[in-house]
């Protein structure tokens, strides 16, 4: 799941995955690839059916959530909690400032 998250966030890697370069070792010569699930399919029909399915929709929903970082894991274990909470407060402050600036631009 973390690897898929990093693939989706990196434009260079995402472009490589979407490039239609035939590969004999992959099903369907690598043409039918679901980036969110990191799976290859034999035909277009199979990938269309996959995208309609419950497993794909669940995976997409899970990928919308931000993955846990090492700092969050350390804070949950009680290691470096003060630094983590200080960083999370700064992040919230930056997000609030960005939202305020965005709303001011709309007016």
PDB file of N, CA and C in Angstrom:
ATOM      1  N   UNK A   1       0.824  -1.179   0.000  1.00  0.00           N
ATOM      2  CA  UNK A   1       0.000   0.000   0.000  1.00  0.00           C
ATOM      3  C   UNK A   1       0.878   1.256   0.000  1.00  0.00           C
ATOM      4  N   UNK A   2       1.948   1.240   0.794  1.00  0.00           N
ATOM      5  CA  UNK A   2       2.832   2.404   0.822  1.00  0.00           C
ATOM      6  C   UNK A   2       3.530   2.616  -0.522  1.00  0.00           C
ATOM      7  N   UNK A   3       3.885   1.510  -1.176  1.00  0.00           N
ATOM      8  CA  UNK A   3       4.541   1.621  -2.480  1.00  0.00           C
ATOM      9  C   UNK A   3       3.595   2.237  -3.507  1.00  0.00           C
ATOM     10  N   UNK A   4       2.338   1.846  -3.485  1.00  0.00           N
ATOM     11  CA  UNK A   4       1.348   2.405  -4.410  1.00  0.00           C
ATOM     12  C   UNK A   4       1.157   3.880  -4.124  1.00  0.00           C
ATOM     13  N   UNK A   5       1.118   4.247  -2.837  1.00  0.00           N
ATOM     14  CA  UNK A   5       0.994   5.660  -2.464  1.00  0.00           C
ATOM     15  C   UNK A   5       2.148   6.474  -3.032  1.00  0.00           C
ATOM     16  N   UNK A   6       3.363   5.960  -2.879  1.00  0.00           N
ATOM     17  CA  UNK A   6       4.517   6.698  -3.392  1.00  0.00           C
ATOM     18  C   UNK A   6       4.515   6.744  -4.920  1.00  0.00           C
ATOM     19  N   UNK A   7       4.025   5.680  -5.573  1.00  0.00           N
ATOM     20  CA  UNK A   7       3.927   5.689  -7.035  1.00  0.00           C
ATOM     21  C   UNK A   7       2.941   6.745  -7.518  1.00  0.00           C
ATOM     22  N   UNK A   8       1.830   6.888  -6.818  1.00  0.00           N
ATOM     23  CA  UNK A   8       0.823   7.872  -7.215  1.00  0.00           C
ATOM     24  C   UNK A   8       1.286   9.304  -6.964  1.00  0.00           C
ATOM     25  N   UNK A   9       2.149   9.513  -5.976  1.00  0.00           N
ATOM     26  CA  UNK A   9       2.622  10.862  -5.645  1.00  0.00           C
ATOM     27  C   UNK A   9       3.793  11.312  -6.527  1.00  0.00           C
ATOM     28  N   UNK A  10       4.510  10.369  -7.127  1.00  0.00           N
ATOM     29  CA  UNK A  10       5.686  10.680  -7.942  1.00  0.00           C
ATOM     30  C   UNK A  10       5.288  10.742  -9.419  1.00  0.00           C
ATOM     31  N   UNK A  11       5.289  11.944 -10.025  1.00  0.00           N
ATOM     32  CA  UNK A  11       4.846  12.057 -11.426  1.00  0.00           C
ATOM     33  C   UNK A  11       5.711  11.261 -12.400  1.00  0.00           C
ATOM     34  N   UNK A  12       6.988  11.162 -12.118  1.00  0.00           N
ATOM     35  CA  UNK A  12       7.878  10.425 -13.016  1.00  0.00           C
ATOM     36  C   UNK A  12       7.526   8.938 -13.014  1.00  0.00           C
ATOM     37  N   UNK A  13       7.330   8.382 -11.846  1.00  0.00           N
ATOM     38  CA  UNK A  13       6.987   6.959 -11.726  1.00  0.00           C
ATOM     39  C   UNK A  13       5.598   6.688 -12.311  1.00  0.00           C
ATOM     40  N   UNK A  14       4.666   7.610 -12.095  1.00  0.00           N
ATOM     41  CA  UNK A  14       3.321   7.458 -12.632  1.00  0.00           C
ATOM     42  C   UNK A  14       3.342   7.468 -14.158  1.00  0.00           C
ATOM     43  N   UNK A  15       4.177   8.322 -14.746  1.00  0.00           N
ATOM     44  CA  UNK A  15       4.302   8.361 -16.204  1.00  0.00           C
ATOM     45  C   UNK A  15       4.885   7.057 -16.738  1.00  0.00           C
ATOM     46  N   UNK A  16       5.842   6.472 -15.996  1.00  0.00           N
ATOM     47  CA  UNK A  16       6.413   5.189 -16.409  1.00  0.00           C
ATOM     48  C   UNK A  16       5.356   4.085 -16.389  1.00  0.00           C
ATOM     49  N   UNK A  17       4.504   4.087 -15.375  1.00  0.00           N
ATOM     50  CA  UNK A  17       3.479   3.053 -15.270  1.00  0.00           C
ATOM     51  C   UNK A  17       2.426   3.188 -16.356  1.00  0.00           C
ATOM     52  N   UNK A  18       2.117   4.426 -16.743  1.00  0.00           N
ATOM     53  CA  UNK A  18       1.086   4.652 -17.744  1.00  0.00           C
ATOM     54  C   UNK A  18       1.599   4.515 -19.173  1.00  0.00           C
ATOM     55  N   UNK A  19       2.925   4.512 -19.360  1.00  0.00           N
ATOM     56  CA  UNK A  19       3.489   4.349 -20.694  1.00  0.00           C
ATOM     57  C   UNK A  19       3.153   2.947 -21.214  1.00  0.00           C
ATOM     58  N   UNK A  20       2.716   2.889 -22.458  1.00  0.00           N
ATOM     59  CA  UNK A  20       2.306   1.616 -23.038  1.00  0.00           C
ATOM     60  C   UNK A  20       3.465   0.939 -23.764  1.00  0.00           C
ATOM     61  N   UNK A  21       4.453   0.518 -22.982  1.00  0.00           N
ATOM     62  CA  UNK A  21       5.599  -0.186 -23.538  1.00  0.00           C
ATOM     63  C   UNK A  21       5.322  -1.684 -23.389  1.00  0.00           C
ATOM     64  N   UNK A  22       5.238  -2.430 -24.507  1.00  0.00           N
ATOM     65  CA  UNK A  22       4.948  -3.862 -24.406  1.00  0.00           C
ATOM     66  C   UNK A  22       6.022  -4.613 -23.623  1.00  0.00           C
ATOM     67  N   UNK A  23       5.583  -5.464 -22.712  1.00  0.00           N
ATOM     68  CA  UNK A  23       6.485  -6.276 -21.905  1.00  0.00           C
ATOM     69  C   UNK A  23       5.965  -7.710 -21.929  1.00  0.00           C
ATOM     70  N   UNK A  24       6.743  -8.604 -22.484  1.00  0.00           N
ATOM     71  CA  UNK A  24       6.312  -9.987 -22.667  1.00  0.00           C
ATOM     72  C   UNK A  24       6.122 -10.731 -21.350  1.00  0.00           C
ATOM     73  N   UNK A  25       6.737 -10.260 -20.293  1.00  0.00           N
ATOM     74  CA  UNK A  25       6.651 -10.954 -19.009  1.00  0.00           C
ATOM     75  C   UNK A  25       5.371 -10.631 -18.234  1.00  0.00           C
ATOM     76  N   UNK A  26       4.658  -9.630 -18.650  1.00  0.00           N
ATOM     77  CA  UNK A  26       3.458  -9.215 -17.918  1.00  0.00           C
ATOM     78  C   UNK A  26       2.207  -9.640 -18.680  1.00  0.00           C
ATOM     79  N   UNK A  27       1.113  -9.893 -17.936  1.00  0.00           N
ATOM     80  CA  UNK A  27      -0.142 -10.261 -18.615  1.00  0.00           C
ATOM     81  C   UNK A  27      -0.606  -9.160 -19.559  1.00  0.00           C
ATOM     82  N   UNK A  28      -1.095  -9.545 -20.703  1.00  0.00           N
ATOM     83  CA  UNK A  28      -1.580  -8.581 -21.687  1.00  0.00           C
ATOM     84  C   UNK A  28      -0.495  -7.670 -22.211  1.00  0.00           C
ATOM     85  N   UNK A  29       0.738  -8.128 -22.158  1.00  0.00           N
ATOM     86  CA  UNK A  29       1.921  -7.365 -22.579  1.00  0.00           C
ATOM     87  C   UNK A  29       2.077  -6.052 -21.813  1.00  0.00           C
ATOM     88  N   UNK A  30       1.485  -5.976 -20.629  1.00  0.00           N
ATOM     89  CA  UNK A  30       1.625  -4.801 -19.777  1.00  0.00           C
ATOM     90  C   UNK A  30       0.762  -3.623 -20.185  1.00  0.00           C
ATOM     91  N   UNK A  31      -0.169  -3.833 -21.107  1.00  0.00           N
ATOM     92  CA  UNK A  31      -0.991  -2.722 -21.596  1.00  0.00           C
ATOM     93  C   UNK A  31      -2.119  -2.353 -20.637  1.00  0.00           C
ATOM     94  N   UNK A  32      -2.625  -3.327 -19.906  1.00  0.00           N
ATOM     95  CA  UNK A  32      -3.798  -3.102 -19.058  1.00  0.00           C
ATOM     96  C   UNK A  32      -3.364  -3.167 -17.601  1.00  0.00           C
ATOM     97  N   UNK A  33      -3.043  -2.006 -17.040  1.00  0.00           N
ATOM     98  CA  UNK A  33      -2.505  -1.919 -15.693  1.00  0.00           C
ATOM     99  C   UNK A  33      -3.388  -1.045 -14.818  1.00  0.00           C
ATOM    100  N   UNK A  34      -3.746  -1.548 -13.648  1.00  0.00           N
ATOM    101  CA  UNK A  34      -4.486  -0.764 -12.659  1.00  0.00           C
ATOM    102  C   UNK A  34      -3.452  -0.182 -11.701  1.00  0.00           C
ATOM    103  N   UNK A  35      -3.240   1.118 -11.771  1.00  0.00           N
ATOM    104  CA  UNK A  35      -2.210   1.777 -10.970  1.00  0.00           C
ATOM    105  C   UNK A  35      -2.562   1.692  -9.485  1.00  0.00           C
ATOM    106  N   UNK A  36      -3.825   1.881  -9.142  1.00  0.00           N
ATOM    107  CA  UNK A  36      -4.235   1.889  -7.744  1.00  0.00           C
ATOM    108  C   UNK A  36      -4.029   0.545  -7.065  1.00  0.00           C
ATOM    109  N   UNK A  37      -4.229  -0.544  -7.791  1.00  0.00           N
ATOM    110  CA  UNK A  37      -4.098  -1.886  -7.218  1.00  0.00           C
ATOM    111  C   UNK A  37      -2.772  -2.556  -7.569  1.00  0.00           C
ATOM    112  N   UNK A  38      -1.996  -1.949  -8.457  1.00  0.00           N
ATOM    113  CA  UNK A  38      -0.713  -2.492  -8.907  1.00  0.00           C
ATOM    114  C   UNK A  38      -0.896  -3.888  -9.504  1.00  0.00           C
ATOM    115  N   UNK A  39      -1.879  -4.029 -10.399  1.00  0.00           N
ATOM    116  CA  UNK A  39      -2.158  -5.314 -11.053  1.00  0.00           C
ATOM    117  C   UNK A  39      -2.206  -5.131 -12.561  1.00  0.00           C
ATOM    118  N   UNK A  40      -1.812  -6.178 -13.260  1.00  0.00           N
ATOM    119  CA  UNK A  40      -1.899  -6.213 -14.711  1.00  0.00           C
ATOM    120  C   UNK A  40      -2.998  -7.175 -15.115  1.00  0.00           C
ATOM    121  N   UNK A  41      -3.653  -6.885 -16.249  1.00  0.00           N
ATOM    122  CA  UNK A  41      -4.762  -7.716 -16.719  1.00  0.00           C
ATOM    123  C   UNK A  41      -4.524  -8.128 -18.162  1.00  0.00           C
ATOM    124  N   UNK A  42      -5.164  -9.241 -18.543  1.00  0.00           N
ATOM    125  CA  UNK A  42      -5.008  -9.800 -19.884  1.00  0.00           C
ATOM    126  C   UNK A  42      -5.685  -8.967 -20.962  1.00  0.00           C
ATOM    127  N   UNK A  43      -6.849  -8.386 -20.645  1.00  0.00           N
ATOM    128  CA  UNK A  43      -7.607  -7.680 -21.677  1.00  0.00           C
ATOM    129  C   UNK A  43      -8.280  -6.446 -21.086  1.00  0.00           C
ATOM    130  N   UNK A  44      -8.776  -5.611 -21.971  1.00  0.00           N
ATOM    131  CA  UNK A  44      -9.470  -4.398 -21.551  1.00  0.00           C
ATOM    132  C   UNK A  44     -10.757  -4.750 -20.797  1.00  0.00           C
ATOM    133  N   UNK A  45     -11.433  -5.791 -21.221  1.00  0.00           N
ATOM    134  CA  UNK A  45     -12.666  -6.207 -20.546  1.00  0.00           C
ATOM    135  C   UNK A  45     -12.390  -6.555 -19.089  1.00  0.00           C
ATOM    136  N   UNK A  46     -11.278  -7.269 -18.840  1.00  0.00           N
ATOM    137  CA  UNK A  46     -10.932  -7.656 -17.471  1.00  0.00           C
ATOM    138  C   UNK A  46     -10.670  -6.448 -16.590  1.00  0.00           C
ATOM    139  N   UNK A  47      -9.977  -5.456 -17.111  1.00  0.00           N
ATOM    140  CA  UNK A  47      -9.678  -4.287 -16.290  1.00  0.00           C
ATOM    141  C   UNK A  47     -10.926  -3.445 -16.048  1.00  0.00           C
ATOM    142  N   UNK A  48     -11.813  -3.394 -17.022  1.00  0.00           N
ATOM    143  CA  UNK A  48     -13.081  -2.668 -16.829  1.00  0.00           C
ATOM    144  C   UNK A  48     -13.894  -3.350 -15.735  1.00  0.00           C
ATOM    145  N   UNK A  49     -13.977  -4.675 -15.768  1.00  0.00           N
ATOM    146  CA  UNK A  49     -14.700  -5.414 -14.731  1.00  0.00           C
ATOM    147  C   UNK A  49     -14.042  -5.221 -13.363  1.00  0.00           C
ATOM    148  N   UNK A  50     -12.728  -5.191 -13.341  1.00  0.00           N
ATOM    149  CA  UNK A  50     -11.995  -4.985 -12.090  1.00  0.00           C
ATOM    150  C   UNK A  50     -12.322  -3.616 -11.495  1.00  0.00           C
ATOM    151  N   UNK A  51     -12.338  -2.581 -12.326  1.00  0.00           N
ATOM    152  CA  UNK A  51     -12.599  -1.228 -11.834  1.00  0.00           C
ATOM    153  C   UNK A  51     -14.032  -1.070 -11.317  1.00  0.00           C
ATOM    154  N   UNK A  52     -14.935  -1.906 -11.754  1.00  0.00           N
ATOM    155  CA  UNK A  52     -16.314  -1.873 -11.253  1.00  0.00           C
ATOM    156  C   UNK A  52     -16.454  -2.621  -9.931  1.00  0.00           C
ATOM    157  N   UNK A  53     -15.448  -3.415  -9.595  1.00  0.00           N
ATOM    158  CA  UNK A  53     -15.545  -4.318  -8.448  1.00  0.00           C
ATOM    159  C   UNK A  53     -15.323  -3.668  -7.097  1.00  0.00           C
ATOM    160  N   UNK A  54     -15.705  -4.424  -6.084  1.00  0.00           N
ATOM    161  CA  UNK A  54     -15.631  -3.966  -4.704  1.00  0.00           C
ATOM    162  C   UNK A  54     -14.185  -3.801  -4.234  1.00  0.00           C
ATOM    163  N   UNK A  55     -13.319  -4.724  -4.603  1.00  0.00           N
ATOM    164  CA  UNK A  55     -11.928  -4.651  -4.143  1.00  0.00           C
ATOM    165  C   UNK A  55     -11.225  -3.404  -4.665  1.00  0.00           C
ATOM    166  N   UNK A  56     -11.455  -3.056  -5.926  1.00  0.00           N
ATOM    167  CA  UNK A  56     -10.827  -1.863  -6.500  1.00  0.00           C
ATOM    168  C   UNK A  56     -11.364  -0.603  -5.826  1.00  0.00           C
ATOM    169  N   UNK A  57     -12.663  -0.539  -5.641  1.00  0.00           N
ATOM    170  CA  UNK A  57     -13.262   0.648  -5.019  1.00  0.00           C
ATOM    171  C   UNK A  57     -12.783   0.817  -3.583  1.00  0.00           C
ATOM    172  N   UNK A  58     -12.621  -0.297  -2.870  1.00  0.00           N
ATOM    173  CA  UNK A  58     -12.104  -0.231  -1.499  1.00  0.00           C
ATOM    174  C   UNK A  58     -10.669   0.280  -1.497  1.00  0.00           C
ATOM    175  N   UNK A  59      -9.873  -0.195  -2.433  1.00  0.00           N
ATOM    176  CA  UNK A  59      -8.472   0.221  -2.508  1.00  0.00           C
ATOM    177  C   UNK A  59      -8.362   1.707  -2.812  1.00  0.00           C
ATOM    178  N   UNK A  60      -9.191   2.210  -3.722  1.00  0.00           N
ATOM    179  CA  UNK A  60      -9.182   3.631  -4.069  1.00  0.00           C
ATOM    180  C   UNK A  60      -9.558   4.467  -2.849  1.00  0.00           C
ATOM    181  N   UNK A  61     -10.551   4.004  -2.096  1.00  0.00           N
ATOM    182  CA  UNK A  61     -10.969   4.727  -0.891  1.00  0.00           C
ATOM    183  C   UNK A  61      -9.838   4.759   0.132  1.00  0.00           C
ATOM    184  N   UNK A  62      -9.130   3.640   0.310  1.00  0.00           N
ATOM    185  CA  UNK A  62      -8.026   3.595   1.257  1.00  0.00           C
ATOM    186  C   UNK A  62      -6.853   4.464   0.812  1.00  0.00           C
ATOM    187  N   UNK A  63      -6.649   4.588  -0.494  1.00  0.00           N
ATOM    188  CA  UNK A  63      -5.546   5.401  -0.991  1.00  0.00           C
ATOM    189  C   UNK A  63      -5.798   6.896  -0.835  1.00  0.00           C
ATOM    190  N   UNK A  64      -7.051   7.292  -0.666  1.00  0.00           N
ATOM    191  CA  UNK A  64      -7.346   8.712  -0.451  1.00  0.00           C
ATOM    192  C   UNK A  64      -6.883   9.177   0.922  1.00  0.00           C
ATOM    193  N   UNK A  65      -6.790   8.241   1.878  1.00  0.00           N
ATOM    194  CA  UNK A  65      -6.310   8.577   3.211  1.00  0.00           C
ATOM    195  C   UNK A  65      -4.789   8.695   3.185  1.00  0.00           C
ATOM    196  N   UNK A  66      -4.277   9.631   3.957  1.00  0.00           N
ATOM    197  CA  UNK A  66      -2.826   9.833   4.042  1.00  0.00           C
ATOM    198  C   UNK A  66      -2.219   8.699   4.871  1.00  0.00           C
ATOM    199  N   UNK A  67      -1.155   8.050   4.390  1.00  0.00           N
ATOM    200  CA  UNK A  67      -0.562   6.948   5.155  1.00  0.00           C
ATOM    201  C   UNK A  67       0.148   7.468   6.414  1.00  0.00           C
ATOM    202  N   UNK A  68       0.265   6.602   7.397  1.00  0.00           N
ATOM    203  CA  UNK A  68       0.958   6.972   8.624  1.00  0.00           C
ATOM    204  C   UNK A  68       2.438   7.161   8.352  1.00  0.00           C
ATOM    205  N   UNK A  69       3.034   8.132   9.018  1.00  0.00           N
ATOM    206  CA  UNK A  69       4.464   8.377   8.863  1.00  0.00           C
ATOM    207  C   UNK A  69       5.211   7.707  10.021  1.00  0.00           C
ATOM    208  N   UNK A  70       6.523   7.691   9.922  1.00  0.00           N
ATOM    209  CA  UNK A  70       7.333   7.112  10.995  1.00  0.00           C
ATOM    210  C   UNK A  70       7.198   7.939  12.270  1.00  0.00           C
ATOM    211  N   UNK A  71       7.048   9.258  12.123  1.00  0.00           N
ATOM    212  CA  UNK A  71       6.876  10.118  13.301  1.00  0.00           C
ATOM    213  C   UNK A  71       5.588   9.768  14.043  1.00  0.00           C
ATOM    214  N   UNK A  72       4.513   9.500  13.290  1.00  0.00           N
ATOM    215  CA  UNK A  72       3.249   9.128  13.918  1.00  0.00           C
ATOM    216  C   UNK A  72       3.374   7.785  14.639  1.00  0.00           C
ATOM    217  N   UNK A  73       4.093   6.849  14.053  1.00  0.00           N
ATOM    218  CA  UNK A  73       4.288   5.550  14.688  1.00  0.00           C
ATOM    219  C   UNK A  73       5.104   5.692  15.970  1.00  0.00           C
ATOM    220  N   UNK A  74       6.140   6.526  15.921  1.00  0.00           N
ATOM    221  CA  UNK A  74       6.952   6.761  17.114  1.00  0.00           C
ATOM    222  C   UNK A  74       6.122   7.434  18.206  1.00  0.00           C
ATOM    223  N   UNK A  75       5.290   8.399  17.836  1.00  0.00           N
ATOM    224  CA  UNK A  75       4.455   9.090  18.819  1.00  0.00           C
ATOM    225  C   UNK A  75       3.462   8.127  19.454  1.00  0.00           C
ATOM    226  N   UNK A  76       2.925   7.186  18.683  1.00  0.00           N
ATOM    227  CA  UNK A  76       1.994   6.206  19.227  1.00  0.00           C
ATOM    228  C   UNK A  76       2.694   5.294  20.231  1.00  0.00           C
ATOM    229  N   UNK A  77       3.984   5.060  20.017  1.00  0.00           N
ATOM    230  CA  UNK A  77       4.764   4.229  20.931  1.00  0.00           C
ATOM    231  C   UNK A  77       5.288   5.027  22.120  1.00  0.00           C
ATOM    232  N   UNK A  78       5.107   6.355  22.099  1.00  0.00           N
ATOM    233  CA  UNK A  78       5.555   7.197  23.205  1.00  0.00           C
ATOM    234  C   UNK A  78       6.956   7.746  23.027  1.00  0.00           C
ATOM    235  N   UNK A  79       7.491   7.632  21.813  1.00  0.00           N
ATOM    236  CA  UNK A  79       8.843   8.122  21.539  1.00  0.00           C
ATOM    237  C   UNK A  79       8.740   9.438  20.788  1.00  0.00           C
ATOM    238  N   UNK A  80       9.287  10.494  21.329  1.00  0.00           N
ATOM    239  CA  UNK A  80       9.307  11.782  20.632  1.00  0.00           C
ATOM    240  C   UNK A  80       7.935  12.398  20.448  1.00  0.00           C
ATOM    241  N   UNK A  81       7.062  12.236  21.421  1.00  0.00           N
ATOM    242  CA  UNK A  81       5.705  12.740  21.270  1.00  0.00           C
ATOM    243  C   UNK A  81       5.644  14.258  21.227  1.00  0.00           C
ATOM    244  N   UNK A  82       6.508  14.928  21.990  1.00  0.00           N
ATOM    245  CA  UNK A  82       6.468  16.395  22.024  1.00  0.00           C
ATOM    246  C   UNK A  82       6.798  16.976  20.650  1.00  0.00           C
ATOM    247  N   UNK A  83       7.829  16.437  20.016  1.00  0.00           N
ATOM    248  CA  UNK A  83       8.221  16.937  18.692  1.00  0.00           C
ATOM    249  C   UNK A  83       7.136  16.635  17.662  1.00  0.00           C
ATOM    250  N   UNK A  84       6.508  15.474  17.771  1.00  0.00           N
ATOM    251  CA  UNK A  84       5.451  15.113  16.825  1.00  0.00           C
ATOM    252  C   UNK A  84       4.268  16.058  16.944  1.00  0.00           C
ATOM    253  N   UNK A  85       3.816  16.284  18.172  1.00  0.00           N
ATOM    254  CA  UNK A  85       2.654  17.158  18.356  1.00  0.00           C
ATOM    255  C   UNK A  85       2.953  18.593  17.938  1.00  0.00           C
ATOM    256  N   UNK A  86       4.175  19.035  18.164  1.00  0.00           N
ATOM    257  CA  UNK A  86       4.560  20.384  17.734  1.00  0.00           C
ATOM    258  C   UNK A  86       4.530  20.465  16.206  1.00  0.00           C
ATOM    259  N   UNK A  87       5.048  19.455  15.524  1.00  0.00           N
ATOM    260  CA  UNK A  87       5.052  19.444  14.055  1.00  0.00           C
ATOM    261  C   UNK A  87       3.628  19.358  13.518  1.00  0.00           C
ATOM    262  N   UNK A  88       2.759  18.553  14.164  1.00  0.00           N
ATOM    263  CA  UNK A  88       1.386  18.437  13.682  1.00  0.00           C
ATOM    264  C   UNK A  88       0.621  19.741  13.880  1.00  0.00           C
ATOM    265  N   UNK A  89       0.895  20.457  14.960  1.00  0.00           N
ATOM    266  CA  UNK A  89       0.251  21.756  15.176  1.00  0.00           C
ATOM    267  C   UNK A  89       0.704  22.768  14.121  1.00  0.00           C
ATOM    268  N   UNK A  90       1.991  22.754  13.779  1.00  0.00           N
ATOM    269  CA  UNK A  90       2.500  23.653  12.740  1.00  0.00           C
ATOM    270  C   UNK A  90       1.867  23.334  11.388  1.00  0.00           C
ATOM    271  N   UNK A  91       1.683  22.038  11.098  1.00  0.00           N
ATOM    272  CA  UNK A  91       1.068  21.633   9.844  1.00  0.00           C
ATOM    273  C   UNK A  91      -0.380  22.108   9.772  1.00  0.00           C
ATOM    274  N   UNK A  92      -1.121  21.961  10.882  1.00  0.00           N
ATOM    275  CA  UNK A  92      -2.502  22.436  10.923  1.00  0.00           C
ATOM    276  C   UNK A  92      -2.562  23.945  10.730  1.00  0.00           C
ATOM    277  N   UNK A  93      -1.624  24.653  11.343  1.00  0.00           N
ATOM    278  CA  UNK A  93      -1.579  26.110  11.214  1.00  0.00           C
ATOM    279  C   UNK A  93      -1.334  26.520   9.759  1.00  0.00           C
ATOM    280  N   UNK A  94      -0.428  25.820   9.083  1.00  0.00           N
ATOM    281  CA  UNK A  94      -0.143  26.119   7.675  1.00  0.00           C
ATOM    282  C   UNK A  94      -1.363  25.836   6.806  1.00  0.00           C
ATOM    283  N   UNK A  95      -2.075  24.747   7.085  1.00  0.00           N
ATOM    284  CA  UNK A  95      -3.275  24.425   6.314  1.00  0.00           C
ATOM    285  C   UNK A  95      -4.349  25.480   6.519  1.00  0.00           C
ATOM    286  N   UNK A  96      -4.513  25.932   7.758  1.00  0.00           N
ATOM    287  CA  UNK A  96      -5.504  26.968   8.045  1.00  0.00           C
ATOM    288  C   UNK A  96      -5.142  28.277   7.354  1.00  0.00           C
ATOM    289  N   UNK A  97      -3.860  28.617   7.339  1.00  0.00           N
ATOM    290  CA  UNK A  97      -3.408  29.830   6.663  1.00  0.00           C
ATOM    291  C   UNK A  97      -3.662  29.731   5.167  1.00  0.00           C
ATOM    292  N   UNK A  98      -3.392  28.565   4.584  1.00  0.00           N
ATOM    293  CA  UNK A  98      -3.638  28.347   3.156  1.00  0.00           C
ATOM    294  C   UNK A  98      -5.114  28.448   2.822  1.00  0.00           C
ATOM    295  N   UNK A  99      -5.977  27.947   3.700  1.00  0.00           N
ATOM    296  CA  UNK A  99      -7.422  28.029   3.465  1.00  0.00           C
ATOM    297  C   UNK A  99      -7.900  29.473   3.548  1.00  0.00           C
ATOM    298  N   UNK A 100      -7.346  30.210   4.499  1.00  0.00           N
ATOM    299  CA  UNK A 100      -7.741  31.615   4.624  1.00  0.00           C
ATOM    300  C   UNK A 100      -7.335  32.408   3.386  1.00  0.00           C
ATOM    301  N   UNK A 101      -6.124  32.138   2.891  1.00  0.00           N
ATOM    302  CA  UNK A 101      -5.662  32.845   1.689  1.00  0.00           C
ATOM    303  C   UNK A 101      -6.517  32.465   0.483  1.00  0.00           C
ATOM    304  N   UNK A 102      -6.901  31.198   0.390  1.00  0.00           N
ATOM    305  CA  UNK A 102      -7.735  30.748  -0.714  1.00  0.00           C
ATOM    306  C   UNK A 102      -9.116  31.396  -0.689  1.00  0.00           C
ATOM    307  N   UNK A 103      -9.672  31.541   0.513  1.00  0.00           N
ATOM    308  CA  UNK A 103     -10.997  32.164   0.605  1.00  0.00           C
ATOM    309  C   UNK A 103     -10.918  33.657   0.317  1.00  0.00           C
ATOM    310  N   UNK A 104      -9.793  34.288   0.651  1.00  0.00           N
ATOM    311  CA  UNK A 104      -9.634  35.719   0.371  1.00  0.00           C
ATOM    312  C   UNK A 104      -9.519  35.963  -1.124  1.00  0.00           C
ATOM    313  N   UNK A 105      -8.907  35.032  -1.872  1.00  0.00           N
ATOM    314  CA  UNK A 105      -8.755  35.169  -3.306  1.00  0.00           C
ATOM    315  C   UNK A 105     -10.094  35.043  -4.011  1.00  0.00           C
ATOM    316  N   UNK A 106     -11.000  34.252  -3.462  1.00  0.00           N
ATOM    317  CA  UNK A 106     -12.311  34.047  -4.073  1.00  0.00           C
ATOM    318  C   UNK A 106     -13.202  35.274  -3.959  1.00  0.00           C
ATOM    319  N   UNK A 107     -12.970  36.089  -2.943  1.00  0.00           N
ATOM    320  CA  UNK A 107     -13.813  37.266  -2.733  1.00  0.00           C
ATOM    321  C   UNK A 107     -13.520  38.364  -3.678  1.00  0.00           C
TER     322      UNK A 107
END
